Amino acid sequence: MLERMAGWSAARIKQIVPEHPASYAVLKFALAVLFNVVLVISCTLLVSLATGHTAEAVLILIFLRCCGRSPAEST
C-alpha cells in the first residue's frame, strides 16, 4: 500500500517537475520512508489515545528519536 502510494506520488512529482534532479526511484524511496514514518507515528498515537497512555507514547517516540541510534551509527 505504501509502495503504491509512494510510486504514485513520485510519478506526480516527476510529471509536474520533470527537470527535478532526483530520479523516480530516489523520489519513490524517500516518499516510502516518509509515509512509513508518518504511519508508524500516527498509529502509535491513535492506539495510545485509545488506551489512555498518550504521555508515555509521546515520551517513547521522543526518546527513540533522540537516543535510538544503532551501534553502527555511533562509530
PDB file of N, CA and C in Angstrom:
ATOM      1  N   MET A   1       0.821  -1.181   0.000  1.00  0.00           N
ATOM      2  CA  MET A   1       0.000   0.000   0.000  1.00  0.00           C
ATOM      3  C   MET A   1       0.873   1.257   0.000  1.00  0.00           C
ATOM      4  N   LEU A   2       1.853   1.310   0.913  1.00  0.00           N
ATOM      5  CA  LEU A   2       2.724   2.487   0.973  1.00  0.00           C
ATOM      6  C   LEU A   2       3.598   2.590  -0.279  1.00  0.00           C
ATOM      7  N   GLU A   3       4.019   1.436  -0.813  1.00  0.00           N
ATOM      8  CA  GLU A   3       4.837   1.451  -2.029  1.00  0.00           C
ATOM      9  C   GLU A   3       4.056   2.028  -3.204  1.00  0.00           C
ATOM     10  N   ARG A   4       2.809   1.626  -3.314  1.00  0.00           N
ATOM     11  CA  ARG A   4       1.983   2.142  -4.415  1.00  0.00           C
ATOM     12  C   ARG A   4       1.732   3.632  -4.259  1.00  0.00           C
ATOM     13  N   MET A   5       1.459   4.062  -3.034  1.00  0.00           N
ATOM     14  CA  MET A   5       1.228   5.486  -2.789  1.00  0.00           C
ATOM     15  C   MET A   5       2.502   6.289  -3.059  1.00  0.00           C
ATOM     16  N   ALA A   6       3.648   5.758  -2.659  1.00  0.00           N
ATOM     17  CA  ALA A   6       4.920   6.434  -2.913  1.00  0.00           C
ATOM     18  C   ALA A   6       5.208   6.492  -4.411  1.00  0.00           C
ATOM     19  N   GLY A   7       4.933   5.400  -5.111  1.00  0.00           N
ATOM     20  CA  GLY A   7       5.132   5.381  -6.564  1.00  0.00           C
ATOM     21  C   GLY A   7       4.241   6.378  -7.278  1.00  0.00           C
ATOM     22  N   TRP A   8       2.982   6.438  -6.853  1.00  0.00           N
ATOM     23  CA  TRP A   8       2.059   7.392  -7.459  1.00  0.00           C
ATOM     24  C   TRP A   8       2.506   8.828  -7.192  1.00  0.00           C
ATOM     25  N   SER A   9       2.919   9.106  -5.951  1.00  0.00           N
ATOM     26  CA  SER A   9       3.364  10.459  -5.598  1.00  0.00           C
ATOM     27  C   SER A   9       4.634  10.844  -6.356  1.00  0.00           C
ATOM     28  N   ALA A  10       5.566   9.903  -6.469  1.00  0.00           N
ATOM     29  CA  ALA A  10       6.808  10.171  -7.203  1.00  0.00           C
ATOM     30  C   ALA A  10       6.515  10.439  -8.674  1.00  0.00           C
ATOM     31  N   ALA A  11       5.603   9.680  -9.242  1.00  0.00           N
ATOM     32  CA  ALA A  11       5.238   9.896 -10.651  1.00  0.00           C
ATOM     33  C   ALA A  11       4.601  11.269 -10.841  1.00  0.00           C
ATOM     34  N   ARG A  12       3.754  11.677  -9.890  1.00  0.00           N
ATOM     35  CA  ARG A  12       3.135  13.006  -9.979  1.00  0.00           C
ATOM     36  C   ARG A  12       4.179  14.111  -9.867  1.00  0.00           C
ATOM     37  N   ILE A  13       5.143  13.934  -8.971  1.00  0.00           N
ATOM     38  CA  ILE A  13       6.196  14.945  -8.825  1.00  0.00           C
ATOM     39  C   ILE A  13       6.988  15.052 -10.121  1.00  0.00           C
ATOM     40  N   LYS A  14       7.358  13.907 -10.687  1.00  0.00           N
ATOM     41  CA  LYS A  14       8.139  13.934 -11.942  1.00  0.00           C
ATOM     42  C   LYS A  14       7.293  14.494 -13.089  1.00  0.00           C
ATOM     43  N   GLN A  15       5.980  14.295 -13.054  1.00  0.00           N
ATOM     44  CA  GLN A  15       5.113  14.831 -14.091  1.00  0.00           C
ATOM     45  C   GLN A  15       5.010  16.350 -13.978  1.00  0.00           C
ATOM     46  N   ILE A  16       4.922  16.854 -12.757  1.00  0.00           N
ATOM     47  CA  ILE A  16       4.786  18.289 -12.538  1.00  0.00           C
ATOM     48  C   ILE A  16       6.122  19.001 -12.720  1.00  0.00           C
ATOM     49  N   VAL A  17       7.211  18.388 -12.227  1.00  0.00           N
ATOM     50  CA  VAL A  17       8.545  18.989 -12.313  1.00  0.00           C
ATOM     51  C   VAL A  17       9.482  17.979 -12.985  1.00  0.00           C
ATOM     52  N   PRO A  18       9.415  17.841 -14.314  1.00  0.00           N
ATOM     53  CA  PRO A  18      10.214  16.813 -14.987  1.00  0.00           C
ATOM     54  C   PRO A  18      11.721  17.057 -14.919  1.00  0.00           C
ATOM     55  N   GLU A  19      12.152  18.286 -14.725  1.00  0.00           N
ATOM     56  CA  GLU A  19      13.584  18.578 -14.674  1.00  0.00           C
ATOM     57  C   GLU A  19      14.159  18.433 -13.273  1.00  0.00           C
ATOM     58  N   HIS A  20      13.384  17.941 -12.332  1.00  0.00           N
ATOM     59  CA  HIS A  20      13.867  17.741 -10.966  1.00  0.00           C
ATOM     60  C   HIS A  20      15.054  16.770 -11.004  1.00  0.00           C
ATOM     61  N   PRO A  21      16.146  17.086 -10.294  1.00  0.00           N
ATOM     62  CA  PRO A  21      17.354  16.254 -10.398  1.00  0.00           C
ATOM     63  C   PRO A  21      17.214  14.846  -9.818  1.00  0.00           C
ATOM     64  N   ALA A  22      16.280  14.627  -8.907  1.00  0.00           N
ATOM     65  CA  ALA A  22      16.113  13.294  -8.321  1.00  0.00           C
ATOM     66  C   ALA A  22      15.371  12.384  -9.299  1.00  0.00           C
ATOM     67  N   SER A  23      15.825  11.149  -9.376  1.00  0.00           N
ATOM     68  CA  SER A  23      15.163  10.194 -10.260  1.00  0.00           C
ATOM     69  C   SER A  23      13.860   9.704  -9.631  1.00  0.00           C
ATOM     70  N   TYR A  24      13.069   9.027 -10.445  1.00  0.00           N
ATOM     71  CA  TYR A  24      11.812   8.459  -9.959  1.00  0.00           C
ATOM     72  C   TYR A  24      12.074   7.487  -8.811  1.00  0.00           C
ATOM     73  N   ALA A  25      13.097   6.648  -8.954  1.00  0.00           N
ATOM     74  CA  ALA A  25      13.403   5.652  -7.923  1.00  0.00           C
ATOM     75  C   ALA A  25      13.794   6.311  -6.601  1.00  0.00           C
ATOM     76  N   VAL A  26      14.582   7.369  -6.673  1.00  0.00           N
ATOM     77  CA  VAL A  26      15.004   8.069  -5.460  1.00  0.00           C
ATOM     78  C   VAL A  26      13.801   8.729  -4.791  1.00  0.00           C
ATOM     79  N   LEU A  27      12.959   9.374  -5.572  1.00  0.00           N
ATOM     80  CA  LEU A  27      11.759  10.001  -5.021  1.00  0.00           C
ATOM     81  C   LEU A  27      10.841   8.956  -4.388  1.00  0.00           C
ATOM     82  N   LYS A  28      10.665   7.833  -5.077  1.00  0.00           N
ATOM     83  CA  LYS A  28       9.795   6.778  -4.568  1.00  0.00           C
ATOM     84  C   LYS A  28      10.319   6.243  -3.238  1.00  0.00           C
ATOM     85  N   PHE A  29      11.621   6.007  -3.147  1.00  0.00           N
ATOM     86  CA  PHE A  29      12.213   5.501  -1.905  1.00  0.00           C
ATOM     87  C   PHE A  29      12.048   6.504  -0.768  1.00  0.00           C
ATOM     88  N   ALA A  30      12.360   7.771  -1.028  1.00  0.00           N
ATOM     89  CA  ALA A  30      12.255   8.803   0.005  1.00  0.00           C
ATOM     90  C   ALA A  30      10.815   8.965   0.481  1.00  0.00           C
ATOM     91  N   LEU A  31       9.881   8.946  -0.449  1.00  0.00           N
ATOM     92  CA  LEU A  31       8.474   9.074  -0.075  1.00  0.00           C
ATOM     93  C   LEU A  31       7.986   7.850   0.695  1.00  0.00           C
ATOM     94  N   ALA A  32       8.459   6.661   0.330  1.00  0.00           N
ATOM     95  CA  ALA A  32       8.074   5.453   1.059  1.00  0.00           C
ATOM     96  C   ALA A  32       8.564   5.514   2.499  1.00  0.00           C
ATOM     97  N   VAL A  33       9.781   5.990   2.702  1.00  0.00           N
ATOM     98  CA  VAL A  33      10.309   6.146   4.064  1.00  0.00           C
ATOM     99  C   VAL A  33       9.478   7.170   4.833  1.00  0.00           C
ATOM    100  N   LEU A  34       9.191   8.287   4.208  1.00  0.00           N
ATOM    101  CA  LEU A  34       8.401   9.338   4.849  1.00  0.00           C
ATOM    102  C   LEU A  34       7.006   8.837   5.224  1.00  0.00           C
ATOM    103  N   PHE A  35       6.337   8.173   4.290  1.00  0.00           N
ATOM    104  CA  PHE A  35       4.995   7.654   4.562  1.00  0.00           C
ATOM    105  C   PHE A  35       5.033   6.603   5.672  1.00  0.00           C
ATOM    106  N   ASN A  36       6.068   5.776   5.689  1.00  0.00           N
ATOM    107  CA  ASN A  36       6.202   4.755   6.726  1.00  0.00           C
ATOM    108  C   ASN A  36       6.349   5.398   8.106  1.00  0.00           C
ATOM    109  N   VAL A  37       7.187   6.403   8.207  1.00  0.00           N
ATOM    110  CA  VAL A  37       7.396   7.088   9.490  1.00  0.00           C
ATOM    111  C   VAL A  37       6.098   7.736   9.960  1.00  0.00           C
ATOM    112  N   VAL A  38       5.418   8.415   9.058  1.00  0.00           N
ATOM    113  CA  VAL A  38       4.158   9.074   9.413  1.00  0.00           C
ATOM    114  C   VAL A  38       3.119   8.043   9.852  1.00  0.00           C
ATOM    115  N   LEU A  39       3.053   6.899   9.171  1.00  0.00           N
ATOM    116  CA  LEU A  39       2.093   5.868   9.530  1.00  0.00           C
ATOM    117  C   LEU A  39       2.393   5.283  10.911  1.00  0.00           C
ATOM    118  N   VAL A  40       3.651   5.006  11.195  1.00  0.00           N
ATOM    119  CA  VAL A  40       4.023   4.441  12.495  1.00  0.00           C
ATOM    120  C   VAL A  40       3.693   5.419  13.621  1.00  0.00           C
ATOM    121  N   ILE A  41       4.052   6.673  13.441  1.00  0.00           N
ATOM    122  CA  ILE A  41       3.773   7.667  14.480  1.00  0.00           C
ATOM    123  C   ILE A  41       2.265   7.849  14.655  1.00  0.00           C
ATOM    124  N   SER A  42       1.521   7.910  13.571  1.00  0.00           N
ATOM    125  CA  SER A  42       0.070   8.082  13.652  1.00  0.00           C
ATOM    126  C   SER A  42      -0.591   6.905  14.353  1.00  0.00           C
ATOM    127  N   CYS A  43      -0.217   5.693  13.984  1.00  0.00           N
ATOM    128  CA  CYS A  43      -0.804   4.505  14.617  1.00  0.00           C
ATOM    129  C   CYS A  43      -0.444   4.450  16.098  1.00  0.00           C
ATOM    130  N   THR A  44       0.792   4.780  16.424  1.00  0.00           N
ATOM    131  CA  THR A  44       1.201   4.793  17.825  1.00  0.00           C
ATOM    132  C   THR A  44       0.368   5.773  18.631  1.00  0.00           C
ATOM    133  N   LEU A  45       0.179   6.962  18.101  1.00  0.00           N
ATOM    134  CA  LEU A  45      -0.599   7.972  18.823  1.00  0.00           C
ATOM    135  C   LEU A  45      -2.079   7.612  18.906  1.00  0.00           C
ATOM    136  N   LEU A  46      -2.630   7.016  17.859  1.00  0.00           N
ATOM    137  CA  LEU A  46      -4.037   6.608  17.896  1.00  0.00           C
ATOM    138  C   LEU A  46      -4.270   5.513  18.931  1.00  0.00           C
ATOM    139  N   VAL A  47      -3.403   4.523  18.955  1.00  0.00           N
ATOM    140  CA  VAL A  47      -3.546   3.449  19.941  1.00  0.00           C
ATOM    141  C   VAL A  47      -3.340   3.992  21.348  1.00  0.00           C
ATOM    142  N   SER A  48      -2.381   4.897  21.518  1.00  0.00           N
ATOM    143  CA  SER A  48      -2.138   5.453  22.848  1.00  0.00           C
ATOM    144  C   SER A  48      -3.317   6.307  23.313  1.00  0.00           C
ATOM    145  N   LEU A  49      -3.973   6.996  22.401  1.00  0.00           N
ATOM    146  CA  LEU A  49      -5.179   7.753  22.767  1.00  0.00           C
ATOM    147  C   LEU A  49      -6.295   6.814  23.198  1.00  0.00           C
ATOM    148  N   ALA A  50      -6.432   5.699  22.485  1.00  0.00           N
ATOM    149  CA  ALA A  50      -7.488   4.743  22.802  1.00  0.00           C
ATOM    150  C   ALA A  50      -7.238   4.056  24.142  1.00  0.00           C
ATOM    151  N   THR A  51      -5.978   3.851  24.494  1.00  0.00           N
ATOM    152  CA  THR A  51      -5.666   3.152  25.739  1.00  0.00           C
ATOM    153  C   THR A  51      -5.398   4.095  26.900  1.00  0.00           C
ATOM    154  N   GLY A  52      -5.312   5.386  26.630  1.00  0.00           N
ATOM    155  CA  GLY A  52      -5.078   6.352  27.694  1.00  0.00           C
ATOM    156  C   GLY A  52      -3.620   6.487  28.107  1.00  0.00           C
ATOM    157  N   HIS A  53      -2.715   6.100  27.244  1.00  0.00           N
ATOM    158  CA  HIS A  53      -1.285   6.174  27.546  1.00  0.00           C
ATOM    159  C   HIS A  53      -0.560   7.109  26.571  1.00  0.00           C
ATOM    160  N   THR A  54      -1.180   8.227  26.275  1.00  0.00           N
ATOM    161  CA  THR A  54      -0.617   9.146  25.290  1.00  0.00           C
ATOM    162  C   THR A  54       0.695   9.757  25.764  1.00  0.00           C
ATOM    163  N   ALA A  55       0.777  10.152  27.006  1.00  0.00           N
ATOM    164  CA  ALA A  55       2.008  10.777  27.511  1.00  0.00           C
ATOM    165  C   ALA A  55       3.186   9.816  27.408  1.00  0.00           C
ATOM    166  N   GLU A  56       2.949   8.553  27.776  1.00  0.00           N
ATOM    167  CA  GLU A  56       4.025   7.561  27.693  1.00  0.00           C
ATOM    168  C   GLU A  56       4.457   7.331  26.244  1.00  0.00           C
ATOM    169  N   ALA A  57       3.483   7.271  25.341  1.00  0.00           N
ATOM    170  CA  ALA A  57       3.799   7.045  23.927  1.00  0.00           C
ATOM    171  C   ALA A  57       4.603   8.201  23.346  1.00  0.00           C
ATOM    172  N   VAL A  58       4.233   9.420  23.693  1.00  0.00           N
ATOM    173  CA  VAL A  58       4.971  10.590  23.200  1.00  0.00           C
ATOM    174  C   VAL A  58       6.394  10.573  23.741  1.00  0.00           C
ATOM    175  N   LEU A  59       6.543  10.237  25.023  1.00  0.00           N
ATOM    176  CA  LEU A  59       7.894  10.161  25.599  1.00  0.00           C
ATOM    177  C   LEU A  59       8.741   9.101  24.904  1.00  0.00           C
ATOM    178  N   ILE A  60       8.154   7.965  24.611  1.00  0.00           N
ATOM    179  CA  ILE A  60       8.895   6.904  23.921  1.00  0.00           C
ATOM    180  C   ILE A  60       9.281   7.350  22.519  1.00  0.00           C
ATOM    181  N   LEU A  61       8.359   7.999  21.804  1.00  0.00           N
ATOM    182  CA  LEU A  61       8.691   8.479  20.454  1.00  0.00           C
ATOM    183  C   LEU A  61       9.812   9.512  20.499  1.00  0.00           C
ATOM    184  N   ILE A  62       9.783  10.394  21.476  1.00  0.00           N
ATOM    185  CA  ILE A  62      10.855  11.391  21.610  1.00  0.00           C
ATOM    186  C   ILE A  62      12.164  10.709  21.962  1.00  0.00           C
ATOM    187  N   PHE A  63      12.113   9.746  22.887  1.00  0.00           N
ATOM    188  CA  PHE A  63      13.322   9.030  23.283  1.00  0.00           C
ATOM    189  C   PHE A  63      13.922   8.282  22.103  1.00  0.00           C
ATOM    190  N   LEU A  64      13.091   7.622  21.315  1.00  0.00           N
ATOM    191  CA  LEU A  64      13.603   6.890  20.156  1.00  0.00           C
ATOM    192  C   LEU A  64      14.211   7.832  19.128  1.00  0.00           C
ATOM    193  N   ARG A  65      13.645   9.004  18.987  1.00  0.00           N
ATOM    194  CA  ARG A  65      14.181   9.988  18.040  1.00  0.00           C
ATOM    195  C   ARG A  65      15.526  10.521  18.513  1.00  0.00           C
ATOM    196  N   CYS A  66      15.632  10.800  19.806  1.00  0.00           N
ATOM    197  CA  CYS A  66      16.854  11.402  20.341  1.00  0.00           C
ATOM    198  C   CYS A  66      17.942  10.376  20.632  1.00  0.00           C
ATOM    199  N   CYS A  67      17.566   9.251  21.178  1.00  0.00           N
ATOM    200  CA  CYS A  67      18.565   8.306  21.698  1.00  0.00           C
ATOM    201  C   CYS A  67      18.514   6.948  21.019  1.00  0.00           C
ATOM    202  N   GLY A  68      17.706   6.773  20.041  1.00  0.00           N
ATOM    203  CA  GLY A  68      17.530   5.463  19.424  1.00  0.00           C
ATOM    204  C   GLY A  68      18.500   5.173  18.301  1.00  0.00           C
ATOM    205  N   ARG A  69      19.774   5.467  18.511  1.00  0.00           N
ATOM    206  CA  ARG A  69      20.771   5.223  17.464  1.00  0.00           C
ATOM    207  C   ARG A  69      21.315   3.808  17.599  1.00  0.00           C
ATOM    208  N   SER A  70      21.586   3.198  16.462  1.00  0.00           N
ATOM    209  CA  SER A  70      22.164   1.856  16.481  1.00  0.00           C
ATOM    210  C   SER A  70      23.669   1.979  16.756  1.00  0.00           C
ATOM    211  N   PRO A  71      24.311   0.904  17.205  1.00  0.00           N
ATOM    212  CA  PRO A  71      25.756   0.963  17.467  1.00  0.00           C
ATOM    213  C   PRO A  71      26.571   1.336  16.239  1.00  0.00           C
ATOM    214  N   ALA A  72      26.102   0.989  15.042  1.00  0.00           N
ATOM    215  CA  ALA A  72      26.839   1.318  13.824  1.00  0.00           C
ATOM    216  C   ALA A  72      26.875   2.826  13.584  1.00  0.00           C
ATOM    217  N   GLU A  73      25.818   3.532  13.995  1.00  0.00           N
ATOM    218  CA  GLU A  73      25.759   4.978  13.774  1.00  0.00           C
ATOM    219  C   GLU A  73      26.647   5.750  14.732  1.00  0.00           C
ATOM    220  N   SER A  74      26.985   5.165  15.874  1.00  0.00           N
ATOM    221  CA  SER A  74      27.766   5.887  16.871  1.00  0.00           C
ATOM    222  C   SER A  74      29.268   5.865  16.586  1.00  0.00           C
ATOM    223  N   THR A  75      29.712   5.031  15.653  1.00  0.00           N
ATOM    224  CA  THR A  75      31.144   4.966  15.333  1.00  0.00           C
ATOM    225  C   THR A  75      31.492   5.883  14.210  1.00  0.00           C
TER     226      THR A  75
END
